[in-house]
Amino acid sequence: MVFLIMPFDKESARLAGQKSRRGKAKKLEPNIREKMELLYEGVLDHLIMHQDELSNSDRVRLVQSLSNYLLPKTKSVRDEYTLERIKEMNSELWNKDPDPRE
């Protein structure tokens, strides 16, 4: 068995890419994308037309799942008072001298 040590450079990377068995990246063709958009539109139109047939739990689930895509994600925000209290609590905890009698 003979092992050849080849440096990994631009040329060896190009050759390795040519030998790849994975194939080319699969992208959706424009006509498939258009068909999927039509399908989504049809489903949404059906839901709007027949929304009175949905149970309350189905409506909540639908609104919940759609809101993940429609509404921006929010970050938790703390007001200044809360931040001041956290700083005070931390400083009280760390500024105490350990007393073995307590």
C-alpha atoms as a PDB file:
ATOM      1  CA  MET A   1       0.000   0.000   0.000  1.00  0.00           C
ATOM      2  CA  VAL A   2       1.423   3.352  -1.026  1.00  0.00           C
ATOM      3  CA  PHE A   3       0.156   6.613   0.446  1.00  0.00           C
ATOM      4  CA  LEU A   4       0.814   9.817  -1.363  1.00  0.00           C
ATOM      5  CA  ILE A   5       0.766  12.947   0.734  1.00  0.00           C
ATOM      6  CA  MET A   6      -0.709  15.837  -1.180  1.00  0.00           C
ATOM      7  CA  PRO A   7      -1.063  19.339   0.198  1.00  0.00           C
ATOM      8  CA  PHE A   8      -4.573  20.725   0.308  1.00  0.00           C
ATOM      9  CA  ASP A   9      -4.550  23.752  -1.926  1.00  0.00           C
ATOM     10  CA  LYS A  10      -6.740  25.356  -4.566  1.00  0.00           C
ATOM     11  CA  GLU A  11      -5.927  22.746  -7.216  1.00  0.00           C
ATOM     12  CA  SER A  12      -6.391  19.723  -4.963  1.00  0.00           C
ATOM     13  CA  ALA A  13      -9.689  21.178  -3.717  1.00  0.00           C
ATOM     14  CA  ARG A  14     -10.882  21.595  -7.296  1.00  0.00           C
ATOM     15  CA  LEU A  15      -9.981  17.990  -8.097  1.00  0.00           C
ATOM     16  CA  ALA A  16     -11.685  16.702  -4.954  1.00  0.00           C
ATOM     17  CA  GLY A  17     -14.801  18.653  -5.883  1.00  0.00           C
ATOM     18  CA  GLN A  18     -14.820  17.073  -9.335  1.00  0.00           C
ATOM     19  CA  LYS A  19     -14.689  13.592  -7.801  1.00  0.00           C
ATOM     20  CA  SER A  20     -17.542  14.325  -5.400  1.00  0.00           C
ATOM     21  CA  ARG A  21     -20.386  11.817  -5.479  1.00  0.00           C
ATOM     22  CA  ARG A  22     -22.901  14.088  -3.816  1.00  0.00           C
ATOM     23  CA  GLY A  23     -23.935  15.732  -7.042  1.00  0.00           C
ATOM     24  CA  LYS A  24     -24.960  19.289  -7.640  1.00  0.00           C
ATOM     25  CA  ALA A  25     -26.961  21.285  -5.142  1.00  0.00           C
ATOM     26  CA  LYS A  26     -30.677  20.778  -5.604  1.00  0.00           C
ATOM     27  CA  LYS A  27     -32.567  24.007  -5.942  1.00  0.00           C
ATOM     28  CA  LEU A  28     -36.262  24.342  -6.521  1.00  0.00           C
ATOM     29  CA  GLU A  29     -37.056  25.096 -10.094  1.00  0.00           C
ATOM     30  CA  PRO A  30     -39.157  28.223 -10.655  1.00  0.00           C
ATOM     31  CA  ASN A  31     -42.190  26.234 -11.769  1.00  0.00           C
ATOM     32  CA  ILE A  32     -42.120  24.119  -8.570  1.00  0.00           C
ATOM     33  CA  ARG A  33     -41.856  27.283  -6.478  1.00  0.00           C
ATOM     34  CA  GLU A  34     -44.848  28.791  -8.280  1.00  0.00           C
ATOM     35  CA  LYS A  35     -46.866  25.602  -7.771  1.00  0.00           C
ATOM     36  CA  MET A  36     -46.066  25.600  -4.046  1.00  0.00           C
ATOM     37  CA  GLU A  37     -47.133  29.247  -3.770  1.00  0.00           C
ATOM     38  CA  LEU A  38     -50.419  28.411  -5.509  1.00  0.00           C
ATOM     39  CA  LEU A  39     -50.926  25.496  -3.131  1.00  0.00           C
ATOM     40  CA  TYR A  40     -50.325  27.712  -0.077  1.00  0.00           C
ATOM     41  CA  GLU A  41     -52.658  30.369  -1.426  1.00  0.00           C
ATOM     42  CA  GLY A  42     -55.351  27.768  -2.037  1.00  0.00           C
ATOM     43  CA  VAL A  43     -55.028  26.361   1.464  1.00  0.00           C
ATOM     44  CA  LEU A  44     -55.163  29.828   3.046  1.00  0.00           C
ATOM     45  CA  ASP A  45     -58.167  30.800   0.911  1.00  0.00           C
ATOM     46  CA  HIS A  46     -59.935  27.612   2.019  1.00  0.00           C
ATOM     47  CA  LEU A  47     -59.150  28.345   5.679  1.00  0.00           C
ATOM     48  CA  ILE A  48     -60.499  31.884   5.357  1.00  0.00           C
ATOM     49  CA  MET A  49     -63.688  30.716   3.632  1.00  0.00           C
ATOM     50  CA  HIS A  50     -64.318  27.884   6.119  1.00  0.00           C
ATOM     51  CA  GLN A  51     -62.950  29.379   9.325  1.00  0.00           C
ATOM     52  CA  ASP A  52     -66.341  29.041  11.049  1.00  0.00           C
ATOM     53  CA  GLU A  53     -65.984  25.253  10.738  1.00  0.00           C
ATOM     54  CA  LEU A  54     -62.794  25.240  12.812  1.00  0.00           C
ATOM     55  CA  SER A  55     -63.002  24.459  16.501  1.00  0.00           C
ATOM     56  CA  ASN A  56     -61.717  27.022  18.974  1.00  0.00           C
ATOM     57  CA  SER A  57     -58.614  24.953  19.704  1.00  0.00           C
ATOM     58  CA  ASP A  58     -57.899  24.652  15.960  1.00  0.00           C
ATOM     59  CA  ARG A  59     -58.225  28.427  15.573  1.00  0.00           C
ATOM     60  CA  VAL A  60     -55.844  29.060  18.457  1.00  0.00           C
ATOM     61  CA  ARG A  61     -53.342  26.582  17.055  1.00  0.00           C
ATOM     62  CA  LEU A  62     -53.594  28.164  13.601  1.00  0.00           C
ATOM     63  CA  VAL A  63     -53.097  31.705  14.905  1.00  0.00           C
ATOM     64  CA  GLN A  64     -50.228  30.531  17.088  1.00  0.00           C
ATOM     65  CA  SER A  65     -48.383  28.803  14.268  1.00  0.00           C
ATOM     66  CA  LEU A  66     -48.968  31.639  11.786  1.00  0.00           C
ATOM     67  CA  SER A  67     -47.825  34.273  14.262  1.00  0.00           C
ATOM     68  CA  ASN A  68     -44.393  32.590  14.384  1.00  0.00           C
ATOM     69  CA  TYR A  69     -43.967  33.579  10.743  1.00  0.00           C
ATOM     70  CA  LEU A  70     -45.784  36.912  10.701  1.00  0.00           C
ATOM     71  CA  LEU A  71     -44.815  38.665  13.935  1.00  0.00           C
ATOM     72  CA  PRO A  72     -41.238  39.635  14.800  1.00  0.00           C
ATOM     73  CA  LYS A  73     -39.577  37.885  17.720  1.00  0.00           C
ATOM     74  CA  THR A  74     -39.212  40.088  20.764  1.00  0.00           C
ATOM     75  CA  LYS A  75     -36.433  40.103  23.306  1.00  0.00           C
ATOM     76  CA  SER A  76     -37.110  40.365  26.996  1.00  0.00           C
ATOM     77  CA  VAL A  77     -36.596  43.886  28.276  1.00  0.00           C
ATOM     78  CA  ARG A  78     -36.054  44.944  31.862  1.00  0.00           C
ATOM     79  CA  ASP A  79     -36.828  48.427  33.092  1.00  0.00           C
ATOM     80  CA  GLU A  80     -34.301  50.592  34.909  1.00  0.00           C
ATOM     81  CA  TYR A  81     -35.824  49.943  38.346  1.00  0.00           C
ATOM     82  CA  THR A  82     -35.466  46.190  37.948  1.00  0.00           C
ATOM     83  CA  LEU A  83     -31.862  46.529  36.768  1.00  0.00           C
ATOM     84  CA  GLU A  84     -31.051  48.732  39.785  1.00  0.00           C
ATOM     85  CA  ARG A  85     -32.572  46.169  42.170  1.00  0.00           C
ATOM     86  CA  ILE A  86     -30.577  43.345  40.579  1.00  0.00           C
ATOM     87  CA  LYS A  87     -27.357  45.351  40.961  1.00  0.00           C
ATOM     88  CA  GLU A  88     -28.189  46.075  44.613  1.00  0.00           C
ATOM     89  CA  MET A  89     -28.925  42.433  45.356  1.00  0.00           C
ATOM     90  CA  ASN A  90     -25.703  41.304  43.708  1.00  0.00           C
ATOM     91  CA  SER A  91     -23.631  43.883  45.561  1.00  0.00           C
ATOM     92  CA  GLU A  92     -25.233  42.868  48.888  1.00  0.00           C
ATOM     93  CA  LEU A  93     -24.467  39.220  48.265  1.00  0.00           C
ATOM     94  CA  TRP A  94     -20.861  39.749  47.241  1.00  0.00           C
ATOM     95  CA  ASN A  95     -19.913  42.471  49.717  1.00  0.00           C
ATOM     96  CA  LYS A  96     -20.696  40.452  52.874  1.00  0.00           C
ATOM     97  CA  ASP A  97     -17.794  39.026  54.805  1.00  0.00           C
ATOM     98  CA  PRO A  98     -18.250  35.364  55.614  1.00  0.00           C
ATOM     99  CA  ASP A  99     -19.144  35.015  59.259  1.00  0.00           C
ATOM    100  CA  PRO A 100     -18.975  31.454  60.591  1.00  0.00           C
ATOM    101  CA  ARG A 101     -21.369  32.319  63.439  1.00  0.00           C
ATOM    102  CA  GLU A 102     -24.266  32.950  61.042  1.00  0.00           C
END
